[in-house]
Amino acid sequence: MNRPLYTLALTASLVIAATQVQADDSAPKPVPSKHQLMKDCMAKQKASDGGMPKEDMKKNCKDVTQTEEQNDKVEHAAEQSADAPKN
């Protein structure tokens, strides 16, 4: 007789837990450092095995890193302006 009650309680707690997990996704993601971006880019360049000299890979990765850094700044500024109260 108590079994349907336990099932209902378990289902309700799972729904509440899923709602809480979904709400945490709205937290801002940390911005990777320039060093980490460069490291990731170099790893991708090496993995693609394009046969490029290391200096050319570094140059390409510097360009990519600068672009990603600028995009993050623009995105961060847009988020702040959206969060700012409007009078």
PDB file of N, CA and C in Angstrom:
ATOM      1  N   MET A   1       0.814  -1.190   0.000  1.00  0.00           N
ATOM      2  CA  MET A   1       0.000   0.000   0.000  1.00  0.00           C
ATOM      3  C   MET A   1       0.864   1.264   0.000  1.00  0.00           C
ATOM      4  N   ASN A   2       2.030   1.235   0.617  1.00  0.00           N
ATOM      5  CA  ASN A   2       2.912   2.388   0.654  1.00  0.00           C
ATOM      6  C   ASN A   2       3.755   2.513  -0.611  1.00  0.00           C
ATOM      7  N   ARG A   3       3.768   1.479  -1.418  1.00  0.00           N
ATOM      8  CA  ARG A   3       4.606   1.481  -2.612  1.00  0.00           C
ATOM      9  C   ARG A   3       4.285   2.633  -3.573  1.00  0.00           C
ATOM     10  N   PRO A   4       3.020   2.914  -3.898  1.00  0.00           N
ATOM     11  CA  PRO A   4       2.732   4.052  -4.793  1.00  0.00           C
ATOM     12  C   PRO A   4       3.184   5.380  -4.196  1.00  0.00           C
ATOM     13  N   LEU A   5       3.123   5.501  -2.883  1.00  0.00           N
ATOM     14  CA  LEU A   5       3.556   6.719  -2.223  1.00  0.00           C
ATOM     15  C   LEU A   5       5.061   6.909  -2.372  1.00  0.00           C
ATOM     16  N   TYR A   6       5.823   5.831  -2.209  1.00  0.00           N
ATOM     17  CA  TYR A   6       7.278   5.892  -2.372  1.00  0.00           C
ATOM     18  C   TYR A   6       7.647   6.210  -3.822  1.00  0.00           C
ATOM     19  N   THR A   7       6.942   5.620  -4.755  1.00  0.00           N
ATOM     20  CA  THR A   7       7.196   5.866  -6.173  1.00  0.00           C
ATOM     21  C   THR A   7       6.921   7.331  -6.513  1.00  0.00           C
ATOM     22  N   LEU A   8       5.846   7.865  -5.976  1.00  0.00           N
ATOM     23  CA  LEU A   8       5.512   9.259  -6.214  1.00  0.00           C
ATOM     24  C   LEU A   8       6.574  10.187  -5.616  1.00  0.00           C
ATOM     25  N   ALA A   9       7.034   9.879  -4.417  1.00  0.00           N
ATOM     26  CA  ALA A   9       8.063  10.702  -3.762  1.00  0.00           C
ATOM     27  C   ALA A   9       9.377  10.640  -4.541  1.00  0.00           C
ATOM     28  N   LEU A  10       9.744   9.460  -5.003  1.00  0.00           N
ATOM     29  CA  LEU A  10      10.979   9.295  -5.777  1.00  0.00           C
ATOM     30  C   LEU A  10      10.894  10.066  -7.094  1.00  0.00           C
ATOM     31  N   THR A  11       9.781   9.983  -7.775  1.00  0.00           N
ATOM     32  CA  THR A  11       9.597  10.693  -9.037  1.00  0.00           C
ATOM     33  C   THR A  11       9.670  12.202  -8.829  1.00  0.00           C
ATOM     34  N   ALA A  12       9.036  12.676  -7.776  1.00  0.00           N
ATOM     35  CA  ALA A  12       9.059  14.121  -7.487  1.00  0.00           C
ATOM     36  C   ALA A  12      10.479  14.584  -7.186  1.00  0.00           C
ATOM     37  N   SER A  13      11.226  13.803  -6.416  1.00  0.00           N
ATOM     38  CA  SER A  13      12.601  14.212  -6.093  1.00  0.00           C
ATOM     39  C   SER A  13      13.489  14.204  -7.335  1.00  0.00           C
ATOM     40  N   LEU A  14      13.281  13.273  -8.253  1.00  0.00           N
ATOM     41  CA  LEU A  14      14.054  13.239  -9.488  1.00  0.00           C
ATOM     42  C   LEU A  14      13.744  14.446 -10.368  1.00  0.00           C
ATOM     43  N   VAL A  15      12.489  14.850 -10.413  1.00  0.00           N
ATOM     44  CA  VAL A  15      12.109  16.018 -11.199  1.00  0.00           C
ATOM     45  C   VAL A  15      12.745  17.273 -10.607  1.00  0.00           C
ATOM     46  N   ILE A  16      12.724  17.382  -9.297  1.00  0.00           N
ATOM     47  CA  ILE A  16      13.328  18.541  -8.630  1.00  0.00           C
ATOM     48  C   ILE A  16      14.831  18.569  -8.875  1.00  0.00           C
ATOM     49  N   ALA A  17      15.492  17.428  -8.771  1.00  0.00           N
ATOM     50  CA  ALA A  17      16.939  17.356  -8.997  1.00  0.00           C
ATOM     51  C   ALA A  17      17.278  17.731 -10.442  1.00  0.00           C
ATOM     52  N   ALA A  18      16.496  17.268 -11.389  1.00  0.00           N
ATOM     53  CA  ALA A  18      16.749  17.590 -12.798  1.00  0.00           C
ATOM     54  C   ALA A  18      16.577  19.081 -13.044  1.00  0.00           C
ATOM     55  N   THR A  19      15.616  19.694 -12.391  1.00  0.00           N
ATOM     56  CA  THR A  19      15.398  21.130 -12.538  1.00  0.00           C
ATOM     57  C   THR A  19      16.586  21.905 -11.989  1.00  0.00           C
ATOM     58  N   GLN A  20      17.134  21.468 -10.862  1.00  0.00           N
ATOM     59  CA  GLN A  20      18.278  22.139 -10.255  1.00  0.00           C
ATOM     60  C   GLN A  20      19.512  22.026 -11.145  1.00  0.00           C
ATOM     61  N   VAL A  21      19.733  20.870 -11.723  1.00  0.00           N
ATOM     62  CA  VAL A  21      20.885  20.676 -12.607  1.00  0.00           C
ATOM     63  C   VAL A  21      20.752  21.549 -13.838  1.00  0.00           C
ATOM     64  N   GLN A  22      19.569  21.649 -14.378  1.00  0.00           N
ATOM     65  CA  GLN A  22      19.343  22.461 -15.566  1.00  0.00           C
ATOM     66  C   GLN A  22      19.552  23.939 -15.251  1.00  0.00           C
ATOM     67  N   ALA A  23      19.212  24.381 -14.070  1.00  0.00           N
ATOM     68  CA  ALA A  23      19.376  25.779 -13.696  1.00  0.00           C
ATOM     69  C   ALA A  23      20.846  26.159 -13.574  1.00  0.00           C
ATOM     70  N   ASP A  24      21.708  25.212 -13.222  1.00  0.00           N
ATOM     71  CA  ASP A  24      23.131  25.493 -13.066  1.00  0.00           C
ATOM     72  C   ASP A  24      23.832  25.732 -14.391  1.00  0.00           C
ATOM     73  N   ASP A  25      23.222  25.352 -15.506  1.00  0.00           N
ATOM     74  CA  ASP A  25      23.836  25.543 -16.818  1.00  0.00           C
ATOM     75  C   ASP A  25      23.930  27.014 -17.213  1.00  0.00           C
ATOM     76  N   SER A  26      23.167  27.864 -16.562  1.00  0.00           N
ATOM     77  CA  SER A  26      23.165  29.274 -16.930  1.00  0.00           C
ATOM     78  C   SER A  26      24.362  30.030 -16.357  1.00  0.00           C
ATOM     79  N   ALA A  27      25.164  29.392 -15.519  1.00  0.00           N
ATOM     80  CA  ALA A  27      26.334  30.047 -14.937  1.00  0.00           C
ATOM     81  C   ALA A  27      27.337  30.366 -16.040  1.00  0.00           C
ATOM     82  N   PRO A  28      28.008  31.514 -15.934  1.00  0.00           N
ATOM     83  CA  PRO A  28      28.975  31.872 -16.982  1.00  0.00           C
ATOM     84  C   PRO A  28      30.155  30.907 -17.000  1.00  0.00           C
ATOM     85  N   LYS A  29      30.577  30.561 -18.197  1.00  0.00           N
ATOM     86  CA  LYS A  29      31.701  29.639 -18.330  1.00  0.00           C
ATOM     87  C   LYS A  29      33.004  30.403 -18.117  1.00  0.00           C
ATOM     88  N   PRO A  30      33.976  29.752 -17.512  1.00  0.00           N
ATOM     89  CA  PRO A  30      35.255  30.434 -17.307  1.00  0.00           C
ATOM     90  C   PRO A  30      35.970  30.656 -18.635  1.00  0.00           C
ATOM     91  N   VAL A  31      36.604  31.789 -18.759  1.00  0.00           N
ATOM     92  CA  VAL A  31      37.335  32.121 -19.984  1.00  0.00           C
ATOM     93  C   VAL A  31      38.722  31.502 -19.886  1.00  0.00           C
ATOM     94  N   PRO A  32      39.100  30.656 -20.867  1.00  0.00           N
ATOM     95  CA  PRO A  32      40.434  30.058 -20.814  1.00  0.00           C
ATOM     96  C   PRO A  32      41.526  31.115 -20.999  1.00  0.00           C
ATOM     97  N   SER A  33      42.662  30.851 -20.387  1.00  0.00           N
ATOM     98  CA  SER A  33      43.770  31.794 -20.492  1.00  0.00           C
ATOM     99  C   SER A  33      44.352  31.760 -21.912  1.00  0.00           C
ATOM    100  N   LYS A  34      45.108  32.797 -22.235  1.00  0.00           N
ATOM    101  CA  LYS A  34      45.732  32.881 -23.553  1.00  0.00           C
ATOM    102  C   LYS A  34      46.700  31.710 -23.753  1.00  0.00           C
ATOM    103  N   HIS A  35      47.392  31.355 -22.671  1.00  0.00           N
ATOM    104  CA  HIS A  35      48.331  30.236 -22.728  1.00  0.00           C
ATOM    105  C   HIS A  35      47.593  28.935 -23.050  1.00  0.00           C
ATOM    106  N   GLN A  36      46.440  28.722 -22.400  1.00  0.00           N
ATOM    107  CA  GLN A  36      45.678  27.497 -22.636  1.00  0.00           C
ATOM    108  C   GLN A  36      45.123  27.461 -24.059  1.00  0.00           C
ATOM    109  N   LEU A  37      44.660  28.599 -24.552  1.00  0.00           N
ATOM    110  CA  LEU A  37      44.176  28.654 -25.936  1.00  0.00           C
ATOM    111  C   LEU A  37      45.288  28.298 -26.913  1.00  0.00           C
ATOM    112  N   MET A  38      46.480  28.844 -26.671  1.00  0.00           N
ATOM    113  CA  MET A  38      47.626  28.580 -27.542  1.00  0.00           C
ATOM    114  C   MET A  38      48.001  27.095 -27.492  1.00  0.00           C
ATOM    115  N   LYS A  39      47.986  26.543 -26.295  1.00  0.00           N
ATOM    116  CA  LYS A  39      48.330  25.135 -26.106  1.00  0.00           C
ATOM    117  C   LYS A  39      47.340  24.228 -26.845  1.00  0.00           C
ATOM    118  N   ASP A  40      46.044  24.531 -26.726  1.00  0.00           N
ATOM    119  CA  ASP A  40      45.018  23.743 -27.416  1.00  0.00           C
ATOM    120  C   ASP A  40      45.163  23.845 -28.927  1.00  0.00           C
ATOM    121  N   CYS A  41      45.432  25.057 -29.398  1.00  0.00           N
ATOM    122  CA  CYS A  41      45.580  25.271 -30.839  1.00  0.00           C
ATOM    123  C   CYS A  41      46.782  24.494 -31.389  1.00  0.00           C
ATOM    124  N   MET A  42      47.898  24.561 -30.686  1.00  0.00           N
ATOM    125  CA  MET A  42      49.099  23.847 -31.142  1.00  0.00           C
ATOM    126  C   MET A  42      48.845  22.334 -31.178  1.00  0.00           C
ATOM    127  N   ALA A  43      48.115  21.840 -30.194  1.00  0.00           N
ATOM    128  CA  ALA A  43      47.792  20.405 -30.173  1.00  0.00           C
ATOM    129  C   ALA A  43      46.928  20.038 -31.380  1.00  0.00           C
ATOM    130  N   LYS A  44      45.968  20.892 -31.725  1.00  0.00           N
ATOM    131  CA  LYS A  44      45.121  20.635 -32.896  1.00  0.00           C
ATOM    132  C   LYS A  44      45.938  20.684 -34.183  1.00  0.00           C
ATOM    133  N   GLN A  45      46.852  21.646 -34.268  1.00  0.00           N
ATOM    134  CA  GLN A  45      47.690  21.768 -35.464  1.00  0.00           C
ATOM    135  C   GLN A  45      48.558  20.520 -35.637  1.00  0.00           C
ATOM    136  N   LYS A  46      49.140  20.057 -34.539  1.00  0.00           N
ATOM    137  CA  LYS A  46      49.992  18.856 -34.615  1.00  0.00           C
ATOM    138  C   LYS A  46      49.169  17.627 -34.967  1.00  0.00           C
ATOM    139  N   ALA A  47      47.954  17.546 -34.415  1.00  0.00           N
ATOM    140  CA  ALA A  47      47.101  16.388 -34.677  1.00  0.00           C
ATOM    141  C   ALA A  47      46.655  16.333 -36.133  1.00  0.00           C
ATOM    142  N   SER A  48      46.475  17.508 -36.749  1.00  0.00           N
ATOM    143  CA  SER A  48      46.034  17.526 -38.147  1.00  0.00           C
ATOM    144  C   SER A  48      47.156  17.100 -39.082  1.00  0.00           C
ATOM    145  N   ASP A  49      48.384  17.193 -38.610  1.00  0.00           N
ATOM    146  CA  ASP A  49      49.566  16.742 -39.360  1.00  0.00           C
ATOM    147  C   ASP A  49      49.565  17.320 -40.772  1.00  0.00           C
ATOM    148  N   GLY A  50      49.475  18.641 -40.836  1.00  0.00           N
ATOM    149  CA  GLY A  50      49.476  19.312 -42.135  1.00  0.00           C
ATOM    150  C   GLY A  50      50.862  19.465 -42.727  1.00  0.00           C
ATOM    151  N   GLY A  51      51.897  19.086 -41.983  1.00  0.00           N
ATOM    152  CA  GLY A  51      53.252  19.193 -42.487  1.00  0.00           C
ATOM    153  C   GLY A  51      53.798  20.606 -42.433  1.00  0.00           C
ATOM    154  N   MET A  52      53.162  21.467 -41.653  1.00  0.00           N
ATOM    155  CA  MET A  52      53.616  22.845 -41.513  1.00  0.00           C
ATOM    156  C   MET A  52      54.796  22.924 -40.569  1.00  0.00           C
ATOM    157  N   PRO A  53      55.719  23.831 -40.844  1.00  0.00           N
ATOM    158  CA  PRO A  53      56.796  24.053 -39.878  1.00  0.00           C
ATOM    159  C   PRO A  53      56.227  24.610 -38.565  1.00  0.00           C
ATOM    160  N   LYS A  54      56.950  24.379 -37.480  1.00  0.00           N
ATOM    161  CA  LYS A  54      56.475  24.781 -36.158  1.00  0.00           C
ATOM    162  C   LYS A  54      56.236  26.289 -36.071  1.00  0.00           C
ATOM    163  N   GLU A  55      57.080  27.074 -36.701  1.00  0.00           N
ATOM    164  CA  GLU A  55      56.925  28.529 -36.666  1.00  0.00           C
ATOM    165  C   GLU A  55      55.624  28.976 -37.345  1.00  0.00           C
ATOM    166  N   ASP A  56      55.266  28.322 -38.446  1.00  0.00           N
ATOM    167  CA  ASP A  56      54.012  28.650 -39.124  1.00  0.00           C
ATOM    168  C   ASP A  56      52.810  28.275 -38.257  1.00  0.00           C
ATOM    169  N   MET A  57      52.911  27.120 -37.575  1.00  0.00           N
ATOM    170  CA  MET A  57      51.833  26.709 -36.670  1.00  0.00           C
ATOM    171  C   MET A  57      51.670  27.732 -35.552  1.00  0.00           C
ATOM    172  N   LYS A  58      52.802  28.213 -35.004  1.00  0.00           N
ATOM    173  CA  LYS A  58      52.743  29.209 -33.927  1.00  0.00           C
ATOM    174  C   LYS A  58      52.071  30.488 -34.419  1.00  0.00           C
ATOM    175  N   LYS A  59      52.426  30.915 -35.619  1.00  0.00           N
ATOM    176  CA  LYS A  59      51.849  32.139 -36.175  1.00  0.00           C
ATOM    177  C   LYS A  59      50.342  31.987 -36.349  1.00  0.00           C
ATOM    178  N   ASN A  60      49.918  30.863 -36.903  1.00  0.00           N
ATOM    179  CA  ASN A  60      48.488  30.608 -37.082  1.00  0.00           C
ATOM    180  C   ASN A  60      47.770  30.585 -35.740  1.00  0.00           C
ATOM    181  N   CYS A  61      48.384  29.948 -34.753  1.00  0.00           N
ATOM    182  CA  CYS A  61      47.757  29.835 -33.442  1.00  0.00           C
ATOM    183  C   CYS A  61      47.690  31.187 -32.735  1.00  0.00           C
ATOM    184  N   LYS A  62      48.682  32.038 -32.942  1.00  0.00           N
ATOM    185  CA  LYS A  62      48.630  33.382 -32.355  1.00  0.00           C
ATOM    186  C   LYS A  62      47.446  34.147 -32.924  1.00  0.00           C
ATOM    187  N   ASP A  63      47.242  34.024 -34.232  1.00  0.00           N
ATOM    188  CA  ASP A  63      46.104  34.692 -34.866  1.00  0.00           C
ATOM    189  C   ASP A  63      44.777  34.155 -34.317  1.00  0.00           C
ATOM    190  N   VAL A  64      44.684  32.848 -34.201  1.00  0.00           N
ATOM    191  CA  VAL A  64      43.462  32.222 -33.680  1.00  0.00           C
ATOM    192  C   VAL A  64      43.227  32.643 -32.234  1.00  0.00           C
ATOM    193  N   THR A  65      44.295  32.665 -31.435  1.00  0.00           N
ATOM    194  CA  THR A  65      44.187  33.031 -30.027  1.00  0.00           C
ATOM    195  C   THR A  65      43.705  34.466 -29.884  1.00  0.00           C
ATOM    196  N   GLN A  66      44.255  35.366 -30.682  1.00  0.00           N
ATOM    197  CA  GLN A  66      43.822  36.765 -30.624  1.00  0.00           C
ATOM    198  C   GLN A  66      42.356  36.901 -31.015  1.00  0.00           C
ATOM    199  N   THR A  67      41.951  36.194 -32.039  1.00  0.00           N
ATOM    200  CA  THR A  67      40.562  36.257 -32.488  1.00  0.00           C
ATOM    201  C   THR A  67      39.624  35.725 -31.409  1.00  0.00           C
ATOM    202  N   GLU A  68      39.971  34.587 -30.816  1.00  0.00           N
ATOM    203  CA  GLU A  68      39.129  34.010 -29.773  1.00  0.00           C
ATOM    204  C   GLU A  68      39.071  34.922 -28.553  1.00  0.00           C
ATOM    205  N   GLU A  69      40.193  35.535 -28.208  1.00  0.00           N
ATOM    206  CA  GLU A  69      40.233  36.437 -27.072  1.00  0.00           C
ATOM    207  C   GLU A  69      39.336  37.657 -27.324  1.00  0.00           C
ATOM    208  N   GLN A  70      39.377  38.201 -28.540  1.00  0.00           N
ATOM    209  CA  GLN A  70      38.527  39.336 -28.889  1.00  0.00           C
ATOM    210  C   GLN A  70      37.049  38.933 -28.855  1.00  0.00           C
ATOM    211  N   ASN A  71      36.746  37.740 -29.352  1.00  0.00           N
ATOM    212  CA  ASN A  71      35.362  37.269 -29.345  1.00  0.00           C
ATOM    213  C   ASN A  71      34.852  37.112 -27.911  1.00  0.00           C
ATOM    214  N   ASP A  72      35.700  36.606 -27.015  1.00  0.00           N
ATOM    215  CA  ASP A  72      35.304  36.457 -25.621  1.00  0.00           C
ATOM    216  C   ASP A  72      35.039  37.807 -24.974  1.00  0.00           C
ATOM    217  N   LYS A  73      35.855  38.809 -25.302  1.00  0.00           N
ATOM    218  CA  LYS A  73      35.655  40.146 -24.745  1.00  0.00           C
ATOM    219  C   LYS A  73      34.331  40.733 -25.227  1.00  0.00           C
ATOM    220  N   VAL A  74      34.040  40.576 -26.505  1.00  0.00           N
ATOM    221  CA  VAL A  74      32.797  41.098 -27.066  1.00  0.00           C
ATOM    222  C   VAL A  74      31.601  40.381 -26.437  1.00  0.00           C
ATOM    223  N   GLU A  75      31.708  39.065 -26.298  1.00  0.00           N
ATOM    224  CA  GLU A  75      30.624  38.281 -25.714  1.00  0.00           C
ATOM    225  C   GLU A  75      30.403  38.679 -24.255  1.00  0.00           C
ATOM    226  N   HIS A  76      31.487  38.879 -23.521  1.00  0.00           N
ATOM    227  CA  HIS A  76      31.396  39.279 -22.116  1.00  0.00           C
ATOM    228  C   HIS A  76      30.753  40.661 -21.996  1.00  0.00           C
ATOM    229  N   ALA A  77      31.125  41.576 -22.854  1.00  0.00           N
ATOM    230  CA  ALA A  77      30.543  42.921 -22.833  1.00  0.00           C
ATOM    231  C   ALA A  77      29.053  42.869 -23.165  1.00  0.00           C
ATOM    232  N   ALA A  78      28.671  42.025 -24.102  1.00  0.00           N
ATOM    233  CA  ALA A  78      27.265  41.887 -24.469  1.00  0.00           C
ATOM    234  C   ALA A  78      26.456  41.305 -23.314  1.00  0.00           C
ATOM    235  N   GLU A  79      27.031  40.347 -22.603  1.00  0.00           N
ATOM    236  CA  GLU A  79      26.345  39.757 -21.454  1.00  0.00           C
ATOM    237  C   GLU A  79      26.151  40.798 -20.356  1.00  0.00           C
ATOM    238  N   GLN A  80      27.173  41.615 -20.118  1.00  0.00           N
ATOM    239  CA  GLN A  80      27.071  42.627 -19.080  1.00  0.00           C
ATOM    240  C   GLN A  80      26.028  43.683 -19.440  1.00  0.00           C
ATOM    241  N   SER A  81      25.981  44.084 -20.696  1.00  0.00           N
ATOM    242  CA  SER A  81      24.987  45.085 -21.094  1.00  0.00           C
ATOM    243  C   SER A  81      23.575  44.511 -21.033  1.00  0.00           C
ATOM    244  N   ALA A  82      23.442  43.223 -21.277  1.00  0.00           N
ATOM    245  CA  ALA A  82      22.122  42.588 -21.188  1.00  0.00           C
ATOM    246  C   ALA A  82      21.679  42.467 -19.734  1.00  0.00           C
ATOM    247  N   ASP A  83      22.636  42.279 -18.824  1.00  0.00           N
ATOM    248  CA  ASP A  83      22.319  42.136 -17.405  1.00  0.00           C
ATOM    249  C   ASP A  83      22.117  43.477 -16.710  1.00  0.00           C
ATOM    250  N   ALA A  84      22.584  44.555 -17.319  1.00  0.00           N
ATOM    251  CA  ALA A  84      22.477  45.873 -16.701  1.00  0.00           C
ATOM    252  C   ALA A  84      21.009  46.304 -16.646  1.00  0.00           C
ATOM    253  N   PRO A  85      20.616  46.911 -15.520  1.00  0.00           N
ATOM    254  CA  PRO A  85      19.216  47.365 -15.413  1.00  0.00           C
ATOM    255  C   PRO A  85      18.959  48.533 -16.371  1.00  0.00           C
ATOM    256  N   LYS A  86      17.805  48.524 -16.961  1.00  0.00           N
ATOM    257  CA  LYS A  86      17.440  49.581 -17.917  1.00  0.00           C
ATOM    258  C   LYS A  86      16.532  50.576 -17.215  1.00  0.00           C
ATOM    259  N   ASN A  87      16.818  51.842 -17.390  1.00  0.00           N
ATOM    260  CA  ASN A  87      16.019  52.886 -16.728  1.00  0.00           C
ATOM    261  C   ASN A  87      14.939  53.390 -17.621  1.00  0.00           C
TER     262      ASN A  87
END
